[in-house]
Amino acid sequence: RDLIAAADARGYSRKGRGLDLEAGKTFAIVPYLQESSPEDSWMCL
C-alpha cells in the first residue's frame, strides 16, 4: 500500500493496477527494467 501511494505521489506510470490489496497476503516483487523519468526507479512485476 505504501509503495503504491509513493508511486502515485511521484507521478509514476505503473501503480499496481489490478492487484487486490485486500485478498493479497504475500507480494513478490521482481524488477524488470530501469527507468529514469520522473526519477531513477525500477519497473517491477
All heavy atoms as atom14 arrays in JSON, in Angstrom:
{
  "sequence": "RDLIAAADARGYSRKGRGLDLEAGKTFAIVPYLQESSPEDSWMCL",
  "atom14_mask": [
    [1, 1, 1, 1, 1, 1, 1, 1, 1, 1, 1, 0, 0, 0],
    [1, 1, 1, 1, 1, 1, 1, 1, 0, 0, 0, 0, 0, 0],
    [1, 1, 1, 1, 1, 1, 1, 1, 0, 0, 0, 0, 0, 0],
    [1, 1, 1, 1, 1, 1, 1, 1, 0, 0, 0, 0, 0, 0],
    [1, 1, 1, 1, 1, 0, 0, 0, 0, 0, 0, 0, 0, 0],
    [1, 1, 1, 1, 1, 0, 0, 0, 0, 0, 0, 0, 0, 0],
    [1, 1, 1, 1, 1, 0, 0, 0, 0, 0, 0, 0, 0, 0],
    [1, 1, 1, 1, 1, 1, 1, 1, 0, 0, 0, 0, 0, 0],
    [1, 1, 1, 1, 1, 0, 0, 0, 0, 0, 0, 0, 0, 0],
    [1, 1, 1, 1, 1, 1, 1, 1, 1, 1, 1, 0, 0, 0],
    [1, 1, 1, 1, 0, 0, 0, 0, 0, 0, 0, 0, 0, 0],
    [1, 1, 1, 1, 1, 1, 1, 1, 1, 1, 1, 1, 0, 0],
    [1, 1, 1, 1, 1, 1, 0, 0, 0, 0, 0, 0, 0, 0],
    [1, 1, 1, 1, 1, 1, 1, 1, 1, 1, 1, 0, 0, 0],
    [1, 1, 1, 1, 1, 1, 1, 1, 1, 0, 0, 0, 0, 0],
    [1, 1, 1, 1, 0, 0, 0, 0, 0, 0, 0, 0, 0, 0],
    [1, 1, 1, 1, 1, 1, 1, 1, 1, 1, 1, 0, 0, 0],
    [1, 1, 1, 1, 0, 0, 0, 0, 0, 0, 0, 0, 0, 0],
    [1, 1, 1, 1, 1, 1, 1, 1, 0, 0, 0, 0, 0, 0],
    [1, 1, 1, 1, 1, 1, 1, 1, 0, 0, 0, 0, 0, 0],
    [1, 1, 1, 1, 1, 1, 1, 1, 0, 0, 0, 0, 0, 0],
    [1, 1, 1, 1, 1, 1, 1, 1, 1, 0, 0, 0, 0, 0],
    [1, 1, 1, 1, 1, 0, 0, 0, 0, 0, 0, 0, 0, 0],
    [1, 1, 1, 1, 0, 0, 0, 0, 0, 0, 0, 0, 0, 0],
    [1, 1, 1, 1, 1, 1, 1, 1, 1, 0, 0, 0, 0, 0],
    [1, 1, 1, 1, 1, 1, 1, 0, 0, 0, 0, 0, 0, 0],
    [1, 1, 1, 1, 1, 1, 1, 1, 1, 1, 1, 0, 0, 0],
    [1, 1, 1, 1, 1, 0, 0, 0, 0, 0, 0, 0, 0, 0],
    [1, 1, 1, 1, 1, 1, 1, 1, 0, 0, 0, 0, 0, 0],
    [1, 1, 1, 1, 1, 1, 1, 0, 0, 0, 0, 0, 0, 0],
    [1, 1, 1, 1, 1, 1, 1, 0, 0, 0, 0, 0, 0, 0],
    [1, 1, 1, 1, 1, 1, 1, 1, 1, 1, 1, 1, 0, 0],
    [1, 1, 1, 1, 1, 1, 1, 1, 0, 0, 0, 0, 0, 0],
    [1, 1, 1, 1, 1, 1, 1, 1, 1, 0, 0, 0, 0, 0],
    [1, 1, 1, 1, 1, 1, 1, 1, 1, 0, 0, 0, 0, 0],
    [1, 1, 1, 1, 1, 1, 0, 0, 0, 0, 0, 0, 0, 0],
    [1, 1, 1, 1, 1, 1, 0, 0, 0, 0, 0, 0, 0, 0],
    [1, 1, 1, 1, 1, 1, 1, 0, 0, 0, 0, 0, 0, 0],
    [1, 1, 1, 1, 1, 1, 1, 1, 1, 0, 0, 0, 0, 0],
    [1, 1, 1, 1, 1, 1, 1, 1, 0, 0, 0, 0, 0, 0],
    [1, 1, 1, 1, 1, 1, 0, 0, 0, 0, 0, 0, 0, 0],
    [1, 1, 1, 1, 1, 1, 1, 1, 1, 1, 1, 1, 1, 1],
    [1, 1, 1, 1, 1, 1, 1, 1, 0, 0, 0, 0, 0, 0],
    [1, 1, 1, 1, 1, 1, 0, 0, 0, 0, 0, 0, 0, 0],
    [1, 1, 1, 1, 1, 1, 1, 1, 0, 0, 0, 0, 0, 0]
  ],
  "atom14_positions": [
    [[0.85, -1.21, 0.0], [0.0, 0.0, 0.0], [0.88, 1.26, 0.0], [0.61, 2.21, -0.74], [-0.93, 0.01, 1.21], [-2.16, -0.8, 1.04], [-3.13, -0.59, 2.22], [-4.15, -1.61, 2.18], [-4.07, -2.81, 2.73], [-2.99, -3.15, 3.41], [-5.04, -3.68, 2.62], [0.0, 0.0, 0.0], [0.0, 0.0, 0.0], [0.0, 0.0, 0.0]],
    [[1.92, 1.25, 0.83], [2.83, 2.4, 0.88], [3.55, 2.6, -0.44], [3.73, 3.73, -0.89], [3.86, 2.21, 2.01], [3.24, 2.34, 3.4], [2.08, 2.8, 3.52], [3.93, 1.94, 4.38], [0.0, 0.0, 0.0], [0.0, 0.0, 0.0], [0.0, 0.0, 0.0], [0.0, 0.0, 0.0], [0.0, 0.0, 0.0], [0.0, 0.0, 0.0]],
    [[3.98, 1.51, -1.08], [4.67, 1.61, -2.37], [3.74, 2.15, -3.45], [4.16, 2.95, -4.29], [5.23, 0.25, -2.78], [6.39, -0.28, -1.95], [6.68, -1.74, -2.29], [7.63, 0.58, -2.14], [0.0, 0.0, 0.0], [0.0, 0.0, 0.0], [0.0, 0.0, 0.0], [0.0, 0.0, 0.0], [0.0, 0.0, 0.0], [0.0, 0.0, 0.0]],
    [[2.48, 1.73, -3.44], [1.51, 2.23, -4.41], [1.23, 3.71, -4.17], [1.17, 4.5, -5.12], [0.22, 1.38, -4.38], [0.51, -0.01, -4.96], [-0.91, 2.06, -5.15], [-0.62, -1.01, -4.79], [0.0, 0.0, 0.0], [0.0, 0.0, 0.0], [0.0, 0.0, 0.0], [0.0, 0.0, 0.0], [0.0, 0.0, 0.0], [0.0, 0.0, 0.0]],
    [[1.1, 4.1, -2.91], [0.89, 5.52, -2.59], [2.08, 6.35, -3.03], [1.92, 7.46, -3.57], [0.64, 5.68, -1.09], [0.0, 0.0, 0.0], [0.0, 0.0, 0.0], [0.0, 0.0, 0.0], [0.0, 0.0, 0.0], [0.0, 0.0, 0.0], [0.0, 0.0, 0.0], [0.0, 0.0, 0.0], [0.0, 0.0, 0.0], [0.0, 0.0, 0.0]],
    [[3.29, 5.82, -2.84], [4.5, 6.54, -3.26], [4.54, 6.66, -4.79], [4.9, 7.72, -5.32], [5.75, 5.83, -2.74], [0.0, 0.0, 0.0], [0.0, 0.0, 0.0], [0.0, 0.0, 0.0], [0.0, 0.0, 0.0], [0.0, 0.0, 0.0], [0.0, 0.0, 0.0], [0.0, 0.0, 0.0], [0.0, 0.0, 0.0], [0.0, 0.0, 0.0]],
    [[4.17, 5.62, -5.5], [4.15, 5.65, -6.97], [3.16, 6.71, -7.46], [3.45, 7.46, -8.39], [3.79, 4.28, -7.53], [0.0, 0.0, 0.0], [0.0, 0.0, 0.0], [0.0, 0.0, 0.0], [0.0, 0.0, 0.0], [0.0, 0.0, 0.0], [0.0, 0.0, 0.0], [0.0, 0.0, 0.0], [0.0, 0.0, 0.0], [0.0, 0.0, 0.0]],
    [[2.03, 6.79, -6.81], [1.02, 7.79, -7.18], [1.54, 9.2, -6.9], [1.43, 10.09, -7.74], [-0.27, 7.51, -6.41], [-1.43, 8.32, -6.94], [-1.57, 8.43, -8.18], [-2.21, 8.84, -6.11], [0.0, 0.0, 0.0], [0.0, 0.0, 0.0], [0.0, 0.0, 0.0], [0.0, 0.0, 0.0], [0.0, 0.0, 0.0], [0.0, 0.0, 0.0]],
    [[2.13, 9.4, -5.72], [2.63, 10.72, -5.34], [3.78, 11.18, -6.23], [3.92, 12.38, -6.49], [3.08, 10.71, -3.87], [0.0, 0.0, 0.0], [0.0, 0.0, 0.0], [0.0, 0.0, 0.0], [0.0, 0.0, 0.0], [0.0, 0.0, 0.0], [0.0, 0.0, 0.0], [0.0, 0.0, 0.0], [0.0, 0.0, 0.0], [0.0, 0.0, 0.0]],
    [[4.59, 10.23, -6.7], [5.75, 10.58, -7.53], [5.39, 10.7, -9.01], [6.26, 11.04, -9.81], [6.84, 9.53, -7.35], [7.48, 9.56, -5.98], [8.54, 8.49, -5.87], [9.34, 8.69, -4.68], [9.54, 7.74, -3.76], [9.03, 6.55, -3.91], [10.28, 8.01, -2.71], [0.0, 0.0, 0.0], [0.0, 0.0, 0.0], [0.0, 0.0, 0.0]],
    [[4.17, 10.4, -9.37], [3.76, 10.52, -10.76], [4.22, 9.38, -11.65], [4.34, 9.53, -12.86], [0.0, 0.0, 0.0], [0.0, 0.0, 0.0], [0.0, 0.0, 0.0], [0.0, 0.0, 0.0], [0.0, 0.0, 0.0], [0.0, 0.0, 0.0], [0.0, 0.0, 0.0], [0.0, 0.0, 0.0], [0.0, 0.0, 0.0], [0.0, 0.0, 0.0]],
    [[4.46, 8.21, -11.06], [4.88, 7.05, -11.84], [3.71, 6.54, -12.69], [2.54, 6.73, -12.35], [5.35, 5.92, -10.93], [6.64, 6.17, -10.19], [7.0, 5.36, -9.14], [7.52, 7.19, -10.54], [8.18, 5.55, -8.45], [8.71, 7.38, -9.86], [9.03, 6.56, -8.81], [10.2, 6.75, -8.14], [0.0, 0.0, 0.0], [0.0, 0.0, 0.0]],
    [[4.05, 5.84, -13.75], [3.05, 5.29, -14.67], [2.39, 4.02, -14.14], [1.18, 3.85, -14.23], [3.67, 4.97, -16.03], [4.26, 6.11, -16.59], [0.0, 0.0, 0.0], [0.0, 0.0, 0.0], [0.0, 0.0, 0.0], [0.0, 0.0, 0.0], [0.0, 0.0, 0.0], [0.0, 0.0, 0.0], [0.0, 0.0, 0.0], [0.0, 0.0, 0.0]],
    [[3.19, 3.11, -13.63], [2.68, 1.82, -13.17], [2.42, 1.91, -11.67], [3.31, 2.16, -10.89], [3.7, 0.71, -13.51], [3.7, 0.38, -15.0], [5.02, -0.18, -15.48], [6.06, 0.85, -15.53], [6.19, 1.74, -16.53], [5.38, 1.71, -17.55], [7.15, 2.64, -16.5], [0.0, 0.0, 0.0], [0.0, 0.0, 0.0], [0.0, 0.0, 0.0]],
    [[1.15, 1.67, -11.31], [0.72, 1.89, -9.92], [0.0, 0.67, -9.33], [-0.87, 0.81, -8.49], [-0.2, 3.1, -9.84], [0.47, 4.38, -10.32], [-0.49, 5.53, -10.36], [0.15, 6.71, -11.06], [-0.79, 7.75, -11.36], [0.0, 0.0, 0.0], [0.0, 0.0, 0.0], [0.0, 0.0, 0.0], [0.0, 0.0, 0.0], [0.0, 0.0, 0.0]],
    [[0.35, -0.52, -9.78], [-0.22, -1.73, -9.2], [-1.65, -2.01, -9.6], [-2.35, -2.73, -8.89], [0.0, 0.0, 0.0], [0.0, 0.0, 0.0], [0.0, 0.0, 0.0], [0.0, 0.0, 0.0], [0.0, 0.0, 0.0], [0.0, 0.0, 0.0], [0.0, 0.0, 0.0], [0.0, 0.0, 0.0], [0.0, 0.0, 0.0], [0.0, 0.0, 0.0]],
    [[-2.07, -1.46, -10.73], [-3.45, -1.67, -11.17], [-3.75, -3.17, -11.27], [-2.95, -3.94, -11.77], [-3.67, -1.01, -12.52], [-5.13, -0.98, -12.94], [-5.28, -0.33, -14.26], [-4.55, -1.16, -15.23], [-4.59, -0.99, -16.52], [-5.24, -0.01, -17.04], [-3.92, -1.79, -17.31], [0.0, 0.0, 0.0], [0.0, 0.0, 0.0], [0.0, 0.0, 0.0]],
    [[-4.89, -3.55, -10.76], [-5.33, -4.94, -10.82], [-4.94, -5.78, -9.62], [-5.4, -6.9, -9.48], [0.0, 0.0, 0.0], [0.0, 0.0, 0.0], [0.0, 0.0, 0.0], [0.0, 0.0, 0.0], [0.0, 0.0, 0.0], [0.0, 0.0, 0.0], [0.0, 0.0, 0.0], [0.0, 0.0, 0.0], [0.0, 0.0, 0.0], [0.0, 0.0, 0.0]],
    [[-4.1, -5.25, -8.74], [-3.72, -6.01, -7.54], [-4.79, -5.84, -6.48], [-5.23, -4.73, -6.21], [-2.38, -5.53, -7.0], [-1.16, -5.81, -7.9], [0.06, -5.11, -7.34], [-0.93, -7.3, -8.03], [0.0, 0.0, 0.0], [0.0, 0.0, 0.0], [0.0, 0.0, 0.0], [0.0, 0.0, 0.0], [0.0, 0.0, 0.0], [0.0, 0.0, 0.0]],
    [[-5.2, -6.94, -5.88], [-6.2, -6.9, -4.82], [-5.48, -6.84, -3.48], [-4.99, -7.85, -2.98], [-7.1, -8.14, -4.9], [-8.24, -8.11, -3.91], [-8.23, -7.27, -2.98], [-9.16, -8.93, -4.07], [0.0, 0.0, 0.0], [0.0, 0.0, 0.0], [0.0, 0.0, 0.0], [0.0, 0.0, 0.0], [0.0, 0.0, 0.0], [0.0, 0.0, 0.0]],
    [[-5.43, -5.64, -2.91], [-4.69, -5.46, -1.65], [-5.42, -6.06, -0.45], [-4.82, -6.27, 0.6], [-4.42, -3.98, -1.41], [-3.54, -3.32, -2.47], [-3.36, -1.84, -2.16], [-2.21, -4.0, -2.57], [0.0, 0.0, 0.0], [0.0, 0.0, 0.0], [0.0, 0.0, 0.0], [0.0, 0.0, 0.0], [0.0, 0.0, 0.0], [0.0, 0.0, 0.0]],
    [[-6.7, -6.31, -0.61], [-7.46, -6.92, 0.49], [-7.24, -8.43, 0.52], [-7.13, -9.02, 1.58], [-8.95, -6.6, 0.35], [-9.27, -5.11, 0.39], [-8.7, -4.42, 1.61], [-8.81, -4.97, 2.73], [-8.12, -3.33, 1.46], [0.0, 0.0, 0.0], [0.0, 0.0, 0.0], [0.0, 0.0, 0.0], [0.0, 0.0, 0.0], [0.0, 0.0, 0.0]],
    [[-7.2, -9.06, -0.65], [-7.04, -10.52, -0.72], [-5.59, -10.93, -0.65], [-5.27, -12.03, -0.18], [-7.68, -11.06, -2.0], [0.0, 0.0, 0.0], [0.0, 0.0, 0.0], [0.0, 0.0, 0.0], [0.0, 0.0, 0.0], [0.0, 0.0, 0.0], [0.0, 0.0, 0.0], [0.0, 0.0, 0.0], [0.0, 0.0, 0.0], [0.0, 0.0, 0.0]],
    [[-4.68, -10.08, -1.12], [-3.26, -10.44, -1.16], [-2.67, -10.56, 0.23], [-2.89, -9.71, 1.09], [0.0, 0.0, 0.0], [0.0, 0.0, 0.0], [0.0, 0.0, 0.0], [0.0, 0.0, 0.0], [0.0, 0.0, 0.0], [0.0, 0.0, 0.0], [0.0, 0.0, 0.0], [0.0, 0.0, 0.0], [0.0, 0.0, 0.0], [0.0, 0.0, 0.0]],
    [[-1.93, -11.62, 0.44], [-1.29, -11.85, 1.74], [0.23, -11.71, 1.62], [0.89, -11.24, 2.53], [-1.65, -13.25, 2.24], [-1.16, -13.55, 3.62], [-1.73, -14.85, 4.13], [-1.24, -15.12, 5.53], [-1.77, -16.36, 6.07], [0.0, 0.0, 0.0], [0.0, 0.0, 0.0], [0.0, 0.0, 0.0], [0.0, 0.0, 0.0], [0.0, 0.0, 0.0]],
    [[0.76, -12.13, 0.48], [2.19, -12.06, 0.21], [2.37, -11.49, -1.19], [1.69, -11.9, -2.12], [2.82, -13.47, 0.27], [2.54, -14.06, 1.53], [4.33, -13.4, 0.06], [0.0, 0.0, 0.0], [0.0, 0.0, 0.0], [0.0, 0.0, 0.0], [0.0, 0.0, 0.0], [0.0, 0.0, 0.0], [0.0, 0.0, 0.0], [0.0, 0.0, 0.0]],
    [[3.31, -10.56, -1.34], [3.59, -9.95, -2.64], [5.07, -10.13, -2.97], [5.92, -9.69, -2.2], [3.22, -8.46, -2.63], [1.77, -8.21, -2.36], [1.31, -7.99, -1.07], [0.86, -8.19, -3.4], [-0.03, -7.75, -0.81], [-0.49, -7.96, -3.15], [-0.93, -7.75, -1.86], [0.0, 0.0, 0.0], [0.0, 0.0, 0.0], [0.0, 0.0, 0.0]],
    [[5.35, -10.78, -4.07], [6.72, -10.94, -4.56], [6.96, -9.87, -5.61], [6.11, -9.64, -6.48], [6.91, -12.33, -5.16], [0.0, 0.0, 0.0], [0.0, 0.0, 0.0], [0.0, 0.0, 0.0], [0.0, 0.0, 0.0], [0.0, 0.0, 0.0], [0.0, 0.0, 0.0], [0.0, 0.0, 0.0], [0.0, 0.0, 0.0], [0.0, 0.0, 0.0]],
    [[8.1, -9.21, -5.52], [8.41, -8.09, -6.41], [9.67, -8.41, -7.21], [10.72, -8.71, -6.63], [8.58, -6.79, -5.61], [7.26, -6.49, -4.88], [9.02, -5.64, -6.5], [7.32, -5.35, -3.92], [0.0, 0.0, 0.0], [0.0, 0.0, 0.0], [0.0, 0.0, 0.0], [0.0, 0.0, 0.0], [0.0, 0.0, 0.0], [0.0, 0.0, 0.0]],
    [[9.53, -8.35, -8.54], [10.61, -8.69, -9.45], [10.88, -7.5, -10.37], [10.07, -7.18, -11.23], [10.24, -9.93, -10.3], [11.37, -10.3, -11.25], [9.85, -11.1, -9.42], [0.0, 0.0, 0.0], [0.0, 0.0, 0.0], [0.0, 0.0, 0.0], [0.0, 0.0, 0.0], [0.0, 0.0, 0.0], [0.0, 0.0, 0.0], [0.0, 0.0, 0.0]],
    [[12.02, -6.8, -10.19], [12.33, -5.68, -11.09], [12.66, -6.22, -12.49], [13.29, -7.26, -12.62], [13.55, -5.03, -10.45], [14.13, -6.05, -9.55], [13.04, -7.0, -9.17], [0.0, 0.0, 0.0], [0.0, 0.0, 0.0], [0.0, 0.0, 0.0], [0.0, 0.0, 0.0], [0.0, 0.0, 0.0], [0.0, 0.0, 0.0], [0.0, 0.0, 0.0]],
    [[12.19, -5.48, -13.52], [12.48, -5.96, -14.87], [13.06, -4.89, -15.79], [13.56, -5.22, -16.86], [11.25, -6.59, -15.53], [10.07, -5.67, -15.75], [9.96, -4.91, -16.91], [9.05, -5.6, -14.81], [8.87, -4.08, -17.11], [7.95, -4.78, -15.01], [7.87, -4.03, -16.17], [6.78, -3.22, -16.37], [0.0, 0.0, 0.0], [0.0, 0.0, 0.0]],
    [[13.03, -3.62, -15.41], [13.61, -2.59, -16.27], [13.83, -1.32, -15.46], [13.02, -0.96, -14.6], [12.68, -2.29, -17.45], [13.22, -1.42, -18.58], [14.41, -2.07, -19.26], [12.13, -1.15, -19.61], [0.0, 0.0, 0.0], [0.0, 0.0, 0.0], [0.0, 0.0, 0.0], [0.0, 0.0, 0.0], [0.0, 0.0, 0.0], [0.0, 0.0, 0.0]],
    [[14.94, -0.63, -15.75], [15.24, 0.65, -15.1], [14.49, 1.76, -15.81], [14.23, 1.68, -17.0], [16.74, 0.95, -15.21], [17.62, -0.14, -14.7], [19.02, -0.03, -15.27], [19.37, 0.89, -15.98], [19.84, -1.02, -14.96], [0.0, 0.0, 0.0], [0.0, 0.0, 0.0], [0.0, 0.0, 0.0], [0.0, 0.0, 0.0], [0.0, 0.0, 0.0]],
    [[14.15, 2.79, -15.05], [13.51, 3.96, -15.63], [14.12, 5.2, -14.98], [14.48, 5.17, -13.81], [12.0, 3.92, -15.4], [11.26, 4.99, -16.14], [9.77, 4.72, -16.2], [9.17, 4.44, -15.16], [9.24, 4.81, -17.32], [0.0, 0.0, 0.0], [0.0, 0.0, 0.0], [0.0, 0.0, 0.0], [0.0, 0.0, 0.0], [0.0, 0.0, 0.0]],
    [[14.23, 6.28, -15.74], [14.85, 7.49, -15.2], [13.89, 8.66, -15.09], [14.26, 9.7, -14.56], [16.05, 7.9, -16.06], [15.63, 8.15, -17.38], [0.0, 0.0, 0.0], [0.0, 0.0, 0.0], [0.0, 0.0, 0.0], [0.0, 0.0, 0.0], [0.0, 0.0, 0.0], [0.0, 0.0, 0.0], [0.0, 0.0, 0.0], [0.0, 0.0, 0.0]],
    [[12.67, 8.51, -15.54], [11.73, 9.63, -15.5], [10.44, 9.2, -14.81], [9.92, 8.13, -15.14], [11.42, 10.08, -16.94], [10.49, 11.12, -16.93], [0.0, 0.0, 0.0], [0.0, 0.0, 0.0], [0.0, 0.0, 0.0], [0.0, 0.0, 0.0], [0.0, 0.0, 0.0], [0.0, 0.0, 0.0], [0.0, 0.0, 0.0], [0.0, 0.0, 0.0]],
    [[9.95, 9.91, -13.85], [10.41, 11.21, -13.38], [11.64, 11.16, -12.48], [12.23, 12.19, -12.18], [9.21, 11.74, -12.61], [8.46, 10.55, -12.15], [8.71, 9.49, -13.19], [0.0, 0.0, 0.0], [0.0, 0.0, 0.0], [0.0, 0.0, 0.0], [0.0, 0.0, 0.0], [0.0, 0.0, 0.0], [0.0, 0.0, 0.0], [0.0, 0.0, 0.0]],
    [[12.07, 9.97, -12.03], [13.29, 9.81, -11.26], [13.77, 8.37, -11.42], [13.04, 7.53, -11.94], [13.06, 10.13, -9.78], [12.08, 9.19, -9.11], [11.71, 9.61, -7.7], [12.03, 10.73, -7.29], [11.1, 8.79, -7.01], [0.0, 0.0, 0.0], [0.0, 0.0, 0.0], [0.0, 0.0, 0.0], [0.0, 0.0, 0.0], [0.0, 0.0, 0.0]],
    [[14.98, 8.09, -10.98], [15.51, 6.73, -11.1], [14.64, 5.76, -10.31], [14.41, 5.94, -9.11], [16.95, 6.67, -10.59], [17.93, 7.37, -11.52], [17.52, 7.71, -12.65], [19.08, 7.57, -11.11], [0.0, 0.0, 0.0], [0.0, 0.0, 0.0], [0.0, 0.0, 0.0], [0.0, 0.0, 0.0], [0.0, 0.0, 0.0], [0.0, 0.0, 0.0]],
    [[14.16, 4.75, -11.02], [13.26, 3.78, -10.39], [13.34, 2.46, -11.17], [14.01, 2.37, -12.2], [11.83, 4.31, -10.39], [11.38, 4.55, -11.72], [0.0, 0.0, 0.0], [0.0, 0.0, 0.0], [0.0, 0.0, 0.0], [0.0, 0.0, 0.0], [0.0, 0.0, 0.0], [0.0, 0.0, 0.0], [0.0, 0.0, 0.0], [0.0, 0.0, 0.0]],
    [[12.66, 1.47, -10.64], [12.54, 0.17, -11.3], [11.1, -0.06, -11.7], [10.18, 0.17, -10.91], [12.96, -0.95, -10.35], [14.41, -0.99, -10.05], [15.02, -0.62, -8.89], [15.45, -1.42, -10.93], [16.37, -0.79, -8.99], [16.67, -1.28, -10.25], [15.47, -1.9, -12.24], [17.9, -1.61, -10.81], [16.69, -2.22, -12.8], [17.88, -2.08, -12.09]],
    [[10.9, -0.55, -12.91], [9.61, -1.1, -13.31], [9.62, -2.52, -12.75], [10.58, -3.27, -12.96], [9.47, -1.15, -14.83], [9.45, 0.19, -15.49], [9.31, -0.1, -17.28], [9.87, 1.49, -17.88], [0.0, 0.0, 0.0], [0.0, 0.0, 0.0], [0.0, 0.0, 0.0], [0.0, 0.0, 0.0], [0.0, 0.0, 0.0], [0.0, 0.0, 0.0]],
    [[8.56, -2.87, -12.02], [8.54, -4.16, -11.35], [7.27, -4.94, -11.66], [6.19, -4.35, -11.8], [8.63, -3.99, -9.83], [10.15, -3.2, -9.27], [0.0, 0.0, 0.0], [0.0, 0.0, 0.0], [0.0, 0.0, 0.0], [0.0, 0.0, 0.0], [0.0, 0.0, 0.0], [0.0, 0.0, 0.0], [0.0, 0.0, 0.0], [0.0, 0.0, 0.0]],
    [[7.42, -6.25, -11.74], [6.29, -7.15, -11.81], [5.98, -7.55, -10.37], [6.9, -7.91, -9.62], [6.64, -8.38, -12.64], [5.55, -9.43, -12.79], [4.36, -8.86, -13.56], [6.1, -10.65, -13.52], [0.0, 0.0, 0.0], [0.0, 0.0, 0.0], [0.0, 0.0, 0.0], [0.0, 0.0, 0.0], [0.0, 0.0, 0.0], [0.0, 0.0, 0.0]]
  ]
}
